[in-house]
Amino acid sequence: MSRHAQQLRDHDINPCVAETDASRKCMDDNNYKKDMCTAYFLKYKSCRKFWHDIMMQRRRNGVRPEMPSAEERKKMLESMGKPY
């Protein structure tokens, strides 16, 4: 597996691994008919937008690292409920 592929599977780097997996599974289960998986795609897109906005806010505030760790993200989601 390439380094880039490993990073995409790393929960500390990619906050939307579960949504990615769900989208791929839906595509596999539905013979790659995209219209059958629209809800999964929207959930993935919402996840990416949510964490991108968090990352941009942290960058503006000078917080490092810009992307919270997987443990931090879990606590954030528990405190606010899953927003996507």
C-alpha atoms as a PDB file:
ATOM      1  CA  MET A   1       0.000   0.000   0.000  1.00  0.00           C
ATOM      2  CA  SER A   2       1.392   3.398  -0.942  1.00  0.00           C
ATOM      3  CA  ARG A   3       2.125   6.013   1.692  1.00  0.00           C
ATOM      4  CA  HIS A   4      -0.742   8.171   0.419  1.00  0.00           C
ATOM      5  CA  ALA A   5      -3.176   5.254   0.639  1.00  0.00           C
ATOM      6  CA  GLN A   6      -1.997   4.554   4.195  1.00  0.00           C
ATOM      7  CA  GLN A   7      -2.608   8.184   5.154  1.00  0.00           C
ATOM      8  CA  LEU A   8      -6.157   8.005   3.803  1.00  0.00           C
ATOM      9  CA  ARG A   9      -6.806   5.031   6.101  1.00  0.00           C
ATOM     10  CA  ASP A  10      -5.237   6.730   9.147  1.00  0.00           C
ATOM     11  CA  HIS A  11      -7.956   7.929  11.537  1.00  0.00           C
ATOM     12  CA  ASP A  12      -5.681  10.722  12.837  1.00  0.00           C
ATOM     13  CA  ILE A  13      -5.308  12.186   9.332  1.00  0.00           C
ATOM     14  CA  ASN A  14      -8.657  11.369   7.714  1.00  0.00           C
ATOM     15  CA  PRO A  15     -11.663  12.067   9.950  1.00  0.00           C
ATOM     16  CA  CYS A  16     -14.109  10.546   7.454  1.00  0.00           C
ATOM     17  CA  VAL A  17     -12.780   6.992   7.115  1.00  0.00           C
ATOM     18  CA  ALA A  18     -16.092   5.457   8.228  1.00  0.00           C
ATOM     19  CA  GLU A  19     -18.063   7.532   5.696  1.00  0.00           C
ATOM     20  CA  THR A  20     -15.593   6.600   2.955  1.00  0.00           C
ATOM     21  CA  ASP A  21     -15.953   2.914   3.781  1.00  0.00           C
ATOM     22  CA  ALA A  22     -19.750   3.152   3.843  1.00  0.00           C
ATOM     23  CA  SER A  23     -19.798   4.831   0.414  1.00  0.00           C
ATOM     24  CA  ARG A  24     -17.501   2.209  -1.081  1.00  0.00           C
ATOM     25  CA  LYS A  25     -19.516  -0.630   0.427  1.00  0.00           C
ATOM     26  CA  CYS A  26     -22.721   0.837  -0.969  1.00  0.00           C
ATOM     27  CA  MET A  27     -21.139   1.088  -4.418  1.00  0.00           C
ATOM     28  CA  ASP A  28     -19.939  -2.522  -4.196  1.00  0.00           C
ATOM     29  CA  ASP A  29     -23.338  -3.760  -2.996  1.00  0.00           C
ATOM     30  CA  ASN A  30     -25.249  -1.872  -5.709  1.00  0.00           C
ATOM     31  CA  ASN A  31     -23.052  -2.763  -8.677  1.00  0.00           C
ATOM     32  CA  TYR A  32     -21.615   0.778  -8.847  1.00  0.00           C
ATOM     33  CA  LYS A  33     -24.935   2.509  -9.500  1.00  0.00           C
ATOM     34  CA  LYS A  34     -24.222   5.938  -8.051  1.00  0.00           C
ATOM     35  CA  ASP A  35     -27.873   6.944  -7.757  1.00  0.00           C
ATOM     36  CA  MET A  36     -28.382   4.150  -5.204  1.00  0.00           C
ATOM     37  CA  CYS A  37     -25.723   5.631  -2.887  1.00  0.00           C
ATOM     38  CA  THR A  38     -26.584   9.329  -2.890  1.00  0.00           C
ATOM     39  CA  ALA A  39     -27.275   9.411   0.858  1.00  0.00           C
ATOM     40  CA  TYR A  40     -23.827   7.942   1.584  1.00  0.00           C
ATOM     41  CA  PHE A  41     -22.145  10.449  -0.719  1.00  0.00           C
ATOM     42  CA  LEU A  42     -23.943  13.361   0.947  1.00  0.00           C
ATOM     43  CA  LYS A  43     -22.953  12.115   4.388  1.00  0.00           C
ATOM     44  CA  TYR A  44     -19.309  11.867   3.267  1.00  0.00           C
ATOM     45  CA  LYS A  45     -19.443  15.348   1.741  1.00  0.00           C
ATOM     46  CA  SER A  46     -20.965  16.761   4.949  1.00  0.00           C
ATOM     47  CA  CYS A  47     -18.271  15.064   7.018  1.00  0.00           C
ATOM     48  CA  ARG A  48     -15.475  16.496   4.883  1.00  0.00           C
ATOM     49  CA  LYS A  49     -17.021  20.002   4.971  1.00  0.00           C
ATOM     50  CA  PHE A  50     -17.525  19.885   8.751  1.00  0.00           C
ATOM     51  CA  TRP A  51     -13.926  18.863   9.493  1.00  0.00           C
ATOM     52  CA  HIS A  52     -12.528  21.233   6.867  1.00  0.00           C
ATOM     53  CA  ASP A  53     -14.350  24.113   8.569  1.00  0.00           C
ATOM     54  CA  ILE A  54     -12.967  23.000  11.963  1.00  0.00           C
ATOM     55  CA  MET A  55      -9.466  22.813  10.490  1.00  0.00           C
ATOM     56  CA  MET A  56      -9.742  26.283   8.935  1.00  0.00           C
ATOM     57  CA  GLN A  57     -11.012  27.772  12.212  1.00  0.00           C
ATOM     58  CA  ARG A  58      -8.112  26.207  14.130  1.00  0.00           C
ATOM     59  CA  ARG A  59      -5.676  27.524  11.522  1.00  0.00           C
ATOM     60  CA  ARG A  60      -7.106  31.060  11.886  1.00  0.00           C
ATOM     61  CA  ASN A  61      -6.794  30.776  15.681  1.00  0.00           C
ATOM     62  CA  GLY A  62      -3.214  29.509  15.451  1.00  0.00           C
ATOM     63  CA  VAL A  63      -4.037  26.133  16.994  1.00  0.00           C
ATOM     64  CA  ARG A  64      -1.672  23.268  16.138  1.00  0.00           C
ATOM     65  CA  PRO A  65      -2.223  20.678  14.859  1.00  0.00           C
ATOM     66  CA  GLU A  66      -4.836  22.094  12.539  1.00  0.00           C
ATOM     67  CA  MET A  67      -6.725  18.791  12.373  1.00  0.00           C
ATOM     68  CA  PRO A  68      -7.670  17.469  15.822  1.00  0.00           C
ATOM     69  CA  SER A  69      -6.492  13.947  16.632  1.00  0.00           C
ATOM     70  CA  ALA A  70      -8.945  11.058  16.354  1.00  0.00           C
ATOM     71  CA  GLU A  71      -9.381  11.061  20.140  1.00  0.00           C
ATOM     72  CA  GLU A  72     -10.062  14.815  20.214  1.00  0.00           C
ATOM     73  CA  ARG A  73     -12.563  14.505  17.355  1.00  0.00           C
ATOM     74  CA  LYS A  74     -14.395  11.713  19.164  1.00  0.00           C
ATOM     75  CA  LYS A  75     -14.771  13.913  22.264  1.00  0.00           C
ATOM     76  CA  MET A  76     -15.935  16.849  20.132  1.00  0.00           C
ATOM     77  CA  LEU A  77     -18.591  14.741  18.420  1.00  0.00           C
ATOM     78  CA  GLU A  78     -19.798  13.295  21.725  1.00  0.00           C
ATOM     79  CA  SER A  79     -20.188  16.755  23.206  1.00  0.00           C
ATOM     80  CA  MET A  80     -22.143  18.211  20.274  1.00  0.00           C
ATOM     81  CA  GLY A  81     -23.798  15.142  18.818  1.00  0.00           C
ATOM     82  CA  LYS A  82     -22.889  14.038  15.315  1.00  0.00           C
ATOM     83  CA  PRO A  83     -23.538  17.153  13.184  1.00  0.00           C
ATOM     84  CA  TYR A  84     -23.408  15.332   9.843  1.00  0.00           C
END
